[in-house]
Protein backbone atom coordinates (compact mmCIF):
# COMPACT_ATOMS: atom_id res chain seq x y z
CA MET A 1 -4.13 25.49 25.90
CA PHE A 2 -2.03 22.92 24.08
CA PRO A 3 1.09 24.61 22.66
CA PRO A 4 1.56 24.81 18.89
CA PRO A 5 4.26 22.46 17.58
CA ARG A 6 7.73 23.44 16.46
CA ALA A 7 10.11 21.82 13.97
CA ASP A 8 13.44 22.97 15.47
CA LEU A 9 13.54 20.97 18.73
CA SER A 10 16.18 18.41 19.66
CA PRO A 11 15.79 15.38 21.95
CA ASN A 12 17.46 15.50 25.37
CA THR A 13 16.46 19.12 25.95
CA LEU A 14 13.91 20.69 28.29
CA ALA A 15 12.01 22.24 25.37
CA TYR A 16 11.62 18.82 23.76
CA GLU A 17 9.83 17.61 26.91
CA ALA A 18 7.49 20.62 27.05
CA ILE A 19 6.72 21.56 23.43
CA PRO A 20 5.49 19.21 20.68
CA LEU A 21 7.93 18.47 17.85
CA VAL A 22 6.26 17.94 14.44
CA LYS A 23 8.16 18.32 11.18
CA ALA A 24 6.11 19.32 8.15
CA THR A 25 7.64 16.62 5.92
CA GLY A 26 5.69 13.92 7.75
CA PHE A 27 2.42 15.05 6.18
CA ARG A 28 2.53 13.19 2.90
CA GLU A 29 0.02 12.84 0.09
CA TYR A 30 -2.27 10.40 1.87
CA ASP A 31 -0.40 9.06 4.92
CA ALA A 32 1.46 10.66 7.80
CA ARG A 33 4.92 9.21 8.53
CA TRP A 34 7.84 10.40 10.62
CA LEU A 35 10.97 9.07 12.25
CA LEU A 36 9.99 8.91 15.90
CA GLY A 37 12.31 11.09 17.96
CA PRO A 38 14.08 13.37 15.47
CA GLU A 39 10.99 14.24 13.36
CA ILE A 40 8.08 13.85 15.76
CA SER A 41 7.94 13.46 19.54
CA LEU A 42 5.23 11.79 21.61
CA LEU A 43 3.99 15.28 22.45
CA GLY A 44 3.94 15.88 18.71
CA VAL A 45 1.82 12.77 18.23
CA GLN A 46 -0.54 14.13 20.89
CA ALA A 47 -0.74 17.38 18.88
CA LEU A 48 -1.50 15.30 15.79
CA GLY A 49 -4.35 13.60 17.65
CA LEU A 50 -5.78 16.92 18.80
CA GLY A 51 -5.51 18.30 15.28
CA LEU A 52 -7.15 15.19 13.87
CA ALA A 53 -10.00 15.49 16.36
CA THR A 54 -10.41 19.14 15.38
CA TYR A 55 -10.66 18.13 11.72
CA PHE A 56 -13.05 15.24 12.42
CA HIS A 57 -15.38 17.72 14.16
CA GLU A 58 -15.16 20.05 11.16
CA LEU A 59 -16.46 17.11 9.13
CA GLY A 60 -19.26 16.53 11.63
CA GLN A 61 -17.76 13.34 13.08
CA SER A 62 -16.38 12.35 16.47
CA LYS A 63 -16.32 8.53 16.77
CA VAL A 64 -13.02 6.96 15.69
CA ALA A 65 -11.66 3.40 15.61
CA VAL A 66 -8.00 3.27 16.65
CA GLY A 67 -5.47 0.42 16.44
CA HIS A 68 -1.70 -0.08 16.30
CA ASP A 69 0.77 -2.35 14.54
CA PHE A 70 3.35 -4.54 16.27
CA ARG A 71 6.45 -2.43 16.85
CA SER A 72 8.29 -1.69 20.07
CA TYR A 73 6.94 1.87 20.24
CA SER A 74 3.56 1.70 18.46
CA LEU A 75 1.53 1.29 21.65
CA SER A 76 3.13 4.43 23.12
CA VAL A 77 2.42 6.32 19.90
CA LYS A 78 -1.21 5.17 19.93
CA GLN A 79 -1.61 6.25 23.55
CA ALA A 80 -0.22 9.71 22.74
CA LEU A 81 -2.52 9.97 19.72
CA THR A 82 -5.47 8.88 21.87
CA LEU A 83 -4.76 11.60 24.44
CA GLY A 84 -5.01 14.18 21.69
CA LEU A 85 -8.18 12.68 20.21
CA ILE A 86 -9.88 12.63 23.62
CA ALA A 87 -8.81 16.22 24.35
CA GLY A 88 -10.43 17.13 21.04
CA GLY A 89 -13.74 15.59 22.08
CA CYS A 90 -13.59 12.28 20.21
CA GLU A 91 -14.98 8.94 21.33
CA VAL A 92 -12.00 6.63 20.79
CA LEU A 93 -12.77 2.95 20.18
CA ASP A 94 -9.47 1.18 20.91
CA ILE A 95 -9.36 -2.18 19.08
CA GLY A 96 -5.87 -3.06 20.32
CA PRO A 97 -3.05 -4.50 18.17
CA ALA A 98 -4.36 -4.65 14.62
CA LEU A 99 -3.76 -4.79 10.92
CA SER A 100 -4.71 -1.67 8.98
CA PRO A 101 -7.59 -3.49 7.23
CA MET A 102 -8.83 -4.67 10.62
CA ALA A 103 -9.08 -1.01 11.64
CA TYR A 104 -10.95 -0.28 8.40
CA PHE A 105 -13.24 -3.24 9.11
CA ALA A 106 -13.87 -1.82 12.58
CA GLN A 107 -15.40 1.27 11.00
CA PHE A 108 -18.15 -1.01 9.64
CA ASP A 109 -18.24 -3.41 12.58
CA LEU A 110 -18.51 -0.68 15.24
CA ASP A 111 -20.35 1.90 13.13
CA ALA A 112 -17.45 4.32 13.53
CA PRO A 113 -17.22 6.90 10.72
CA CYS A 114 -13.53 7.61 11.36
CA VAL A 115 -10.31 5.62 11.66
CA ALA A 116 -6.78 6.34 12.89
CA MET A 117 -4.42 3.40 12.53
CA VAL A 118 -0.94 3.79 14.03
CA THR A 119 1.47 2.09 11.64
CA ALA A 120 4.65 2.65 9.69
CA SER A 121 3.46 -0.03 7.23
CA HIS A 122 6.53 -1.61 5.59
CA ASN A 123 8.93 1.19 6.56
CA GLU A 124 11.99 0.23 8.59
CA ASN A 125 12.00 0.37 12.38
CA GLY A 126 12.27 3.90 13.64
CA TRP A 127 9.41 5.11 11.47
CA THR A 128 5.90 5.67 12.74
CA GLY A 129 2.78 7.13 11.25
CA VAL A 130 -1.00 7.15 11.02
CA LYS A 131 -3.42 6.04 8.31
CA MET A 132 -6.61 8.08 8.65
CA GLY A 133 -10.08 8.32 7.19
CA ALA A 134 -13.49 9.85 7.86
CA GLN A 135 -15.60 8.32 5.08
CA ARG A 136 -15.52 4.52 5.00
CA PRO A 137 -14.02 2.76 3.10
CA LEU A 138 -11.85 5.72 2.00
CA THR A 139 -8.71 7.12 3.59
CA PHE A 140 -7.43 10.68 3.44
CA GLY A 141 -6.14 12.11 0.19
CA PRO A 142 -4.14 15.30 -0.51
CA ASP A 143 -6.99 17.70 0.33
CA GLU A 144 -7.68 16.14 3.71
CA MET A 145 -3.98 15.80 4.51
CA GLY A 146 -3.44 19.43 3.56
CA ARG A 147 -6.17 20.61 5.92
CA LEU A 148 -4.87 18.44 8.76
CA LYS A 149 -1.33 19.73 8.20
CA THR A 150 -2.54 23.33 8.45
CA ILE A 151 -4.46 22.69 11.67
CA VAL A 152 -1.54 20.92 13.36
CA LEU A 153 1.34 23.15 12.25
CA ASP A 154 -0.61 26.35 12.94
CA GLY A 155 -1.70 25.06 16.34
CA ALA A 156 -5.32 25.74 15.32
CA PHE A 157 -6.61 23.17 17.81
CA GLN A 158 -10.10 23.13 19.24
CA GLU A 159 -10.22 21.38 22.59
CA ARG A 160 -13.65 19.99 23.47
CA ALA A 161 -15.31 18.25 26.38
CA GLY A 162 -16.96 14.87 25.96
CA GLY A 163 -13.99 12.84 24.73
CA ARG A 164 -13.69 9.31 26.06
CA LEU A 165 -11.85 6.03 25.58
CA VAL A 166 -13.64 2.71 25.07
CA ARG A 167 -11.67 -0.51 24.81
CA VAL A 168 -13.38 -2.90 22.36
CA ASP A 169 -12.76 -6.65 22.35
CA GLY A 170 -13.64 -9.19 19.68
CA VAL A 171 -12.90 -7.16 16.55
CA LYS A 172 -10.03 -9.47 15.55
CA GLU A 173 -12.27 -12.54 15.63
CA ARG A 174 -15.03 -10.83 13.65
CA TYR A 175 -12.52 -9.49 11.11
CA ILE A 176 -11.02 -12.93 10.50
CA ALA A 177 -14.52 -14.41 10.18
CA ASP A 178 -15.39 -11.72 7.63
CA VAL A 179 -12.35 -12.30 5.39
CA ALA A 180 -12.79 -16.07 5.65
CA THR A 181 -16.20 -15.80 3.96
CA ARG A 182 -14.48 -14.59 0.78
CA ALA A 183 -13.13 -18.10 0.10
CA GLN A 184 -14.43 -21.49 1.19
CA LEU A 185 -12.18 -23.90 -0.63
CA THR A 186 -13.15 -27.30 -1.98
CA ARG A 187 -9.71 -27.88 -3.48
CA PRO A 188 -6.88 -29.03 -1.18
CA LEU A 189 -4.14 -26.41 -1.30
CA ARG A 190 -0.81 -26.08 0.50
CA VAL A 191 -0.02 -22.42 1.11
CA VAL A 192 3.06 -20.72 2.55
CA ALA A 193 2.07 -17.79 4.80
CA ALA A 194 5.05 -15.41 4.94
CA CYS A 195 4.78 -12.60 7.49
CA GLY A 196 8.34 -11.37 8.03
CA ASN A 197 7.76 -11.50 11.83
CA GLY A 198 5.37 -8.57 11.42
CA THR A 199 1.84 -7.98 12.68
CA ALA A 200 0.21 -10.23 10.07
CA GLY A 201 1.69 -13.28 11.81
CA ALA A 202 -1.06 -12.98 14.45
CA PHE A 203 -3.79 -13.03 11.79
CA ALA A 204 -2.87 -14.64 8.47
CA PRO A 205 -2.36 -18.32 9.41
CA GLU A 206 -5.68 -18.54 11.26
CA ALA A 207 -7.53 -16.70 8.49
CA LEU A 208 -6.12 -18.99 5.79
CA ARG A 209 -7.10 -22.10 7.72
CA ARG A 210 -10.62 -20.77 8.11
CA MET A 211 -10.77 -20.22 4.35
CA GLY A 212 -10.29 -23.96 3.98
CA VAL A 213 -6.57 -24.11 3.16
CA ALA A 214 -5.62 -27.75 3.69
CA GLU A 215 -2.09 -26.99 4.93
CA VAL A 216 -0.76 -23.60 6.01
CA ILE A 217 3.04 -23.59 6.05
CA GLU A 218 3.95 -20.81 8.46
CA MET A 219 7.02 -18.78 7.56
CA ASP A 220 8.30 -16.15 10.01
CA CYS A 221 4.87 -15.84 11.62
CA ASP A 222 6.20 -15.40 15.17
CA LEU A 223 5.91 -11.73 16.05
CA ASP A 224 9.30 -10.08 16.57
CA TRP A 225 9.49 -6.31 16.29
CA THR A 226 13.22 -6.42 15.57
CA PHE A 227 12.40 -8.04 12.18
CA PRO A 228 15.44 -10.32 12.47
CA LYS A 229 15.47 -11.61 8.87
CA TYR A 230 14.15 -8.77 6.71
CA ASN A 231 11.57 -6.02 6.76
CA PRO A 232 8.06 -7.42 6.13
CA ASN A 233 7.65 -6.00 2.63
CA PRO A 234 6.43 -8.43 -0.07
CA GLU A 235 7.58 -6.05 -2.81
CA ASP A 236 11.16 -6.41 -1.59
CA HIS A 237 13.27 -8.94 -3.49
CA VAL A 238 14.78 -10.37 -0.29
CA MET A 239 11.38 -11.40 1.07
CA LEU A 240 10.24 -12.69 -2.32
CA GLN A 241 13.38 -14.82 -2.63
CA ALA A 242 12.78 -16.32 0.82
CA MET A 243 9.17 -17.10 -0.13
CA ALA A 244 10.31 -18.71 -3.38
CA ALA A 245 12.84 -20.89 -1.56
CA ARG A 246 10.17 -22.12 0.85
CA VAL A 247 7.82 -23.02 -2.01
CA ARG A 248 10.56 -25.05 -3.68
CA GLU A 249 11.47 -26.76 -0.39
CA THR A 250 7.91 -27.74 0.48
CA GLY A 251 6.24 -28.22 -2.89
CA ALA A 252 3.54 -25.73 -1.86
CA ASP A 253 0.94 -24.55 -4.35
CA LEU A 254 1.84 -20.92 -3.70
CA ALA A 255 3.21 -18.49 -1.14
CA LEU A 256 1.36 -15.45 0.11
CA GLY A 257 3.45 -12.68 1.71
CA PHE A 258 2.03 -9.98 3.97
CA ASP A 259 3.52 -6.59 4.79
CA GLY A 260 3.96 -4.97 8.19
CA ASP A 261 0.37 -3.81 8.58
CA GLY A 262 -1.41 -6.43 6.49
CA ASP A 263 -2.81 -4.29 3.71
CA ARG A 264 -0.49 -5.61 0.96
CA CYS A 265 -0.13 -9.12 -0.40
CA GLY A 266 2.76 -10.57 -2.40
CA VAL A 267 2.53 -13.82 -4.37
CA VAL A 268 4.95 -16.57 -5.41
CA ASP A 269 3.61 -19.34 -7.65
CA ASP A 270 4.07 -23.12 -7.49
CA THR A 271 7.32 -22.93 -9.49
CA GLY A 272 8.88 -20.45 -7.07
CA GLU A 273 8.43 -17.44 -9.37
CA GLU A 274 7.11 -14.17 -7.98
CA ILE A 275 4.04 -12.68 -9.64
CA PHE A 276 3.66 -8.98 -9.02
CA ALA A 277 0.28 -7.69 -7.94
CA ASP A 278 -0.58 -6.09 -11.28
CA LYS A 279 -0.19 -9.46 -13.05
CA ILE A 280 -2.17 -11.20 -10.29
CA GLY A 281 -4.78 -8.48 -10.77
CA LEU A 282 -4.93 -9.21 -14.49
CA MET A 283 -5.33 -12.93 -13.77
CA LEU A 284 -8.17 -12.15 -11.37
CA ALA A 285 -9.81 -9.75 -13.83
CA ARG A 286 -9.67 -12.35 -16.62
CA ASP A 287 -11.18 -14.97 -14.32
CA LEU A 288 -13.95 -12.67 -13.07
CA ALA A 289 -14.82 -11.08 -16.42
CA PRO A 290 -17.16 -13.84 -17.74
CA THR A 291 -19.35 -13.63 -14.61
CA HIS A 292 -19.06 -9.84 -14.24
CA LYS A 293 -19.51 -8.65 -17.81
CA GLY A 294 -18.91 -4.96 -18.32
CA ALA A 295 -16.95 -4.68 -15.09
CA LYS A 296 -14.53 -1.81 -14.59
CA PHE A 297 -11.06 -2.23 -13.14
CA ILE A 298 -8.62 0.38 -11.79
CA VAL A 299 -4.84 -0.08 -11.95
CA ASP A 300 -2.02 2.26 -10.99
CA VAL A 301 0.47 3.73 -13.43
CA LYS A 302 3.18 1.32 -12.25
CA SER A 303 1.11 -1.60 -13.55
CA THR A 304 1.49 -3.71 -16.67
CA GLY A 305 0.13 -2.35 -19.93
CA LEU A 306 -1.52 -5.71 -20.66
CA PHE A 307 -4.84 -4.65 -19.11
CA ALA A 308 -5.44 -2.25 -22.00
CA THR A 309 -4.97 -4.91 -24.67
CA ASP A 310 -6.29 -8.07 -23.00
CA PRO A 311 -8.65 -10.01 -25.32
CA ILE A 312 -10.65 -11.70 -22.53
CA LEU A 313 -11.46 -8.39 -20.86
CA ALA A 314 -12.40 -6.90 -24.23
CA ALA A 315 -14.62 -9.86 -25.16
CA ASN A 316 -16.59 -9.41 -21.93
CA GLY A 317 -17.00 -5.66 -22.28
CA CYS A 318 -14.66 -4.87 -19.39
CA SER A 319 -12.65 -1.67 -19.22
CA THR A 320 -9.58 -0.50 -17.33
CA VAL A 321 -8.55 2.92 -16.03
CA TYR A 322 -4.88 3.69 -15.26
CA TRP A 323 -4.73 5.97 -12.24
CA LYS A 324 -2.40 7.55 -9.69
CA THR A 325 -0.23 5.24 -7.60
CA GLY A 326 -1.16 5.20 -3.93
CA HIS A 327 -3.63 3.21 -1.88
CA SER A 328 -5.76 6.26 -1.18
CA TYR A 329 -5.99 7.23 -4.87
CA ILE A 330 -6.81 3.73 -6.17
CA LYS A 331 -9.28 3.10 -3.34
CA ARG A 332 -11.05 6.38 -4.03
CA LYS A 333 -11.19 5.86 -7.81
CA THR A 334 -12.45 2.29 -7.38
CA ALA A 335 -15.30 3.60 -5.22
CA GLU A 336 -15.95 6.66 -7.41
CA ILE A 337 -16.66 4.76 -10.63
CA GLY A 338 -18.07 1.61 -9.01
CA ALA A 339 -15.24 -0.60 -10.25
CA LEU A 340 -15.37 -4.28 -9.36
CA ALA A 341 -11.74 -4.18 -8.26
CA GLY A 342 -8.61 -2.06 -8.18
CA PHE A 343 -5.02 -3.27 -8.29
CA GLU A 344 -1.78 -1.54 -7.37
CA LYS A 345 1.57 -3.04 -8.34
CA SER A 346 2.91 -2.63 -4.80
CA GLY A 347 0.42 -5.25 -3.55
CA HIS A 348 -2.65 -3.24 -2.57
CA PHE A 349 -5.85 -4.92 -3.81
CA PHE A 350 -9.30 -3.32 -3.59
CA PHE A 351 -12.48 -5.35 -4.03
CA ASN A 352 -15.97 -3.91 -4.00
CA ALA A 353 -19.07 -5.99 -3.21
CA PRO A 354 -19.58 -8.89 -3.53
CA LEU A 355 -15.83 -9.57 -3.33
CA GLY A 356 -14.89 -7.21 -0.49
CA ARG A 357 -15.70 -3.97 1.33
CA GLY A 358 -13.71 -1.58 -0.86
CA TYR A 359 -10.61 -1.07 1.29
CA ASP A 360 -7.17 -2.62 0.81
CA CYS A 361 -6.85 -5.87 2.73
CA ALA A 362 -4.14 -8.47 2.12
CA LEU A 363 -6.27 -11.27 3.54
CA THR A 364 -9.21 -10.36 1.30
CA ALA A 365 -6.76 -10.39 -1.62
CA ALA A 366 -5.49 -13.80 -0.50
CA ALA A 367 -9.07 -15.09 -0.32
CA ASN A 368 -9.84 -13.92 -3.86
CA ILE A 369 -6.64 -15.49 -5.21
CA LEU A 370 -7.47 -18.79 -3.50
CA ALA A 371 -11.07 -18.62 -4.76
CA MET A 372 -9.72 -18.16 -8.30
CA LEU A 373 -7.68 -21.35 -7.91
CA ASP A 374 -10.76 -23.12 -6.54
CA ARG A 375 -12.72 -22.12 -9.66
CA ASN A 376 -9.92 -23.57 -11.82
CA PRO A 377 -9.32 -26.97 -10.19
CA ASP A 378 -7.36 -28.35 -13.16
CA LYS A 379 -4.88 -25.44 -13.21
CA ARG A 380 -2.00 -24.37 -11.03
CA LEU A 381 -1.17 -20.73 -10.42
CA SER A 382 1.72 -20.96 -12.87
CA ASP A 383 -0.72 -22.15 -15.57
CA LEU A 384 -2.89 -19.08 -15.07
CA LYS A 385 0.23 -16.89 -15.17
CA ASN A 386 1.53 -18.55 -18.33
CA ALA A 387 -1.81 -17.92 -20.06
CA LEU A 388 -1.18 -14.17 -19.86
CA PRO A 389 0.31 -12.36 -22.86
CA VAL A 390 4.05 -11.96 -22.41
CA ALA A 391 5.47 -8.85 -20.75
CA TYR A 392 8.66 -8.44 -18.76
CA THR A 393 8.16 -6.11 -15.81
CA SER A 394 10.91 -4.93 -13.48
CA LEU A 395 11.02 -4.80 -9.75
CA THR A 396 10.05 -1.47 -8.23
CA MET A 397 13.34 0.40 -7.85
CA SER A 398 13.71 3.39 -5.55
CA PRO A 399 16.70 5.76 -5.68
CA HIS A 400 17.04 8.04 -2.67
CA CYS A 401 15.85 11.60 -3.13
CA ALA A 402 15.06 13.99 -0.27
CA ASP A 403 11.42 14.84 0.35
CA GLU A 404 12.20 18.51 -0.19
CA GLN A 405 13.71 17.81 -3.63
CA LYS A 406 11.94 14.78 -5.13
CA TYR A 407 8.97 16.57 -6.72
CA ALA A 408 11.17 19.15 -8.42
CA VAL A 409 13.37 16.36 -9.78
CA VAL A 410 10.34 14.54 -11.17
CA ASP A 411 9.07 17.78 -12.73
CA ARG A 412 12.36 18.07 -14.62
CA ILE A 413 12.17 14.43 -15.78
CA VAL A 414 8.58 14.99 -16.96
CA ALA A 415 9.70 18.04 -18.93
CA ASP A 416 12.60 16.03 -20.44
CA TYR A 417 10.31 13.28 -21.72
CA GLU A 418 7.64 15.69 -22.96
CA ALA A 419 10.32 17.57 -24.92
CA LEU A 420 11.74 14.30 -26.28
CA ALA A 421 8.30 13.19 -27.47
CA LYS A 422 7.51 16.58 -29.01
CA ALA A 423 10.79 16.51 -30.93
CA GLY A 424 10.02 13.04 -32.32
CA GLY A 425 12.79 11.43 -30.33
CA THR A 426 13.07 7.72 -29.64
CA ILE A 427 13.99 5.44 -26.75
CA LEU A 428 16.21 2.50 -27.71
CA GLY A 429 15.09 2.96 -31.28
CA ARG A 430 11.36 3.08 -30.55
CA ARG A 431 8.95 5.94 -31.12
CA ILE A 432 7.22 7.42 -28.06
CA ALA A 433 3.50 6.63 -28.42
CA GLU A 434 2.21 8.46 -25.32
CA VAL A 435 3.44 10.43 -22.32
CA ILE A 436 1.09 9.97 -19.33
CA THR A 437 1.60 12.55 -16.57
CA VAL A 438 -1.24 11.74 -14.17
CA ASN A 439 1.39 10.65 -11.61
CA GLY A 440 5.00 11.45 -12.46
CA VAL A 441 5.65 10.32 -16.03
CA ARG A 442 4.85 7.05 -17.77
CA VAL A 443 6.39 6.94 -21.26
CA ALA A 444 4.67 4.38 -23.49
CA LEU A 445 6.58 3.19 -26.56
CA GLU A 446 5.21 2.08 -29.92
CA ASP A 447 5.68 -1.64 -29.14
CA GLY A 448 3.79 -1.44 -25.81
CA SER A 449 6.92 -1.22 -23.63
CA TRP A 450 7.08 1.65 -21.13
CA VAL A 451 9.15 3.37 -18.45
CA LEU A 452 7.90 5.15 -15.32
CA VAL A 453 9.45 7.70 -12.97
CA ARG A 454 7.47 9.19 -10.10
CA ALA A 455 8.01 10.51 -6.58
CA SER A 456 7.30 8.17 -3.69
CA SER A 457 4.31 9.36 -1.71
CA ASN A 458 5.59 8.19 1.67
CA LYS A 459 9.39 7.96 1.62
CA PRO A 460 12.30 10.21 0.58
CA GLU A 461 12.87 8.48 -2.75
CA LEU A 462 11.79 8.20 -6.37
CA VAL A 463 10.03 5.19 -7.90
CA VAL A 464 11.22 3.59 -11.14
CA VAL A 465 9.51 0.76 -13.05
CA VAL A 466 10.09 -0.44 -16.62
CA GLU A 467 8.28 -3.02 -18.74
CA SER A 468 9.29 -4.59 -22.05
CA THR A 469 7.12 -6.53 -24.47
CA ARG A 470 10.29 -7.97 -26.05
CA SER A 471 12.54 -9.69 -23.54
CA ALA A 472 14.05 -9.62 -20.06
CA ASP A 473 17.27 -8.27 -21.58
CA ASP A 474 15.35 -5.43 -23.20
CA MET A 475 13.66 -4.68 -19.87
CA ARG A 476 17.08 -4.35 -18.23
CA ALA A 477 18.29 -2.18 -21.12
CA LEU A 478 15.35 0.19 -20.69
CA PHE A 479 16.52 0.74 -17.13
CA ARG A 480 20.29 0.65 -17.53
CA GLU A 481 20.57 2.51 -20.84
CA GLU A 482 17.62 4.90 -20.56
CA VAL A 483 16.20 5.65 -17.12
CA LYS A 484 19.24 5.25 -14.89
CA PRO A 485 21.52 7.51 -17.01
CA ARG A 486 18.76 10.12 -17.28
CA LEU A 487 18.28 10.19 -13.50
CA ALA A 488 22.04 10.21 -12.93
CA LYS A 489 22.11 13.70 -14.48
CA GLN A 490 20.08 14.93 -11.48
CA PRO A 491 22.53 15.54 -8.59
CA GLU A 492 19.77 15.11 -5.99
CA VAL A 493 19.24 11.44 -6.94
CA GLY A 494 21.15 8.96 -4.79
CA ALA A 495 21.64 5.20 -4.47
CA TYR A 496 18.96 2.70 -5.40
CA ASN A 497 17.43 0.27 -2.92
CA GLN A 498 17.64 -2.45 -5.59
CA GLU A 499 18.42 -2.65 -9.30
CA ILE A 500 17.86 -5.04 -12.20
């Protein structure tokens, strides 16, 4: 029998080599992520695989597509996970090195109900994790993660005969062919493909060329798991600045940036200005609305408030739902209500048929952005951006806060803002119009400006975003004079990753 895991083991001990180490904090809302070594061992990953197989069988499934991102240890992690899946009676279809959306595509391509993608996404080296699902195109949410956590930590494994490993070739080529069908350009475009030396470098340039991009300007597309310049994270200001510089150097029409596992896309326009995914989503929604009248769109609570007031969407009978931040939540809500598309400010895009397969895929997002430009041959990306109503939205800022403390801190901040609103208080002289608590707290002000504080779903930190309808200076004031001082009163809140 496989031993139940423990959380109190240390590397370089005999027990660490004989008993699986799995810390409970790695089971997050919809992903599983740990620091490899101090928080989970390879034996612990094997226990995770056995627990996952046990849960798949509870759901009546046993065939699972498995891939891994490009990090120095991801192959070893995938092999450990595979051992556990096989011991639990699963048929493992190994698709090799992959992007997360390639693993999701494999569920359709190989008729595999389940997926287990080994990736730490955009997290720094040292992190590992698994993105999992058992109902394409969805991935696990809190209920599924809670059940998996119980099985693994309680050692409630069910070993079964019949498990096997099948290596599958050709999925990469079929995946690239699939995303390439989403855009077949007639307009000559020069596009910077920025990959941060991450996994997407093996996929994005070829896919863009097959979409008909006239010139792909490769930027850090050579795979290097040390990430020598910066972490591949297109929401990070360092990567966005590098993309902007390359656009200005080359005169490209735009830059597309891809994160470490290829499920998020960042955008810089022809002037070298970054456009966050919620604004790109609004541009796409406005462009699609006349040909998809009555369409529904999903956006996360970190996204611009302009969706709710946009005149083009209103004129075409389109509606927007603000929902919980997190790829699993937005993906699920997009599928649940049959939305045409879902957008998350962090760069996850979700397109249902005929625009995509419902899961988050950076290359599908890139294809839809390029197709939008092809439908507007007399406009540059900056023209489409400038046609939007004005709103000044901050970077996503993340102060450190331990996993064990972050939700309690957010609960206190929610209570603070609810009390302030109930008492008729104001923020920088403006009345509070609404307090939305579907995911942390989003405080909407009477002029359409807003502030957001929530707990990160996959890292030990909080998430802060502010938006002003007045000016960039007012946006900074909302952070510096309102949110930052309020959070500073909470002793558990540490340094920010970036500030405005």
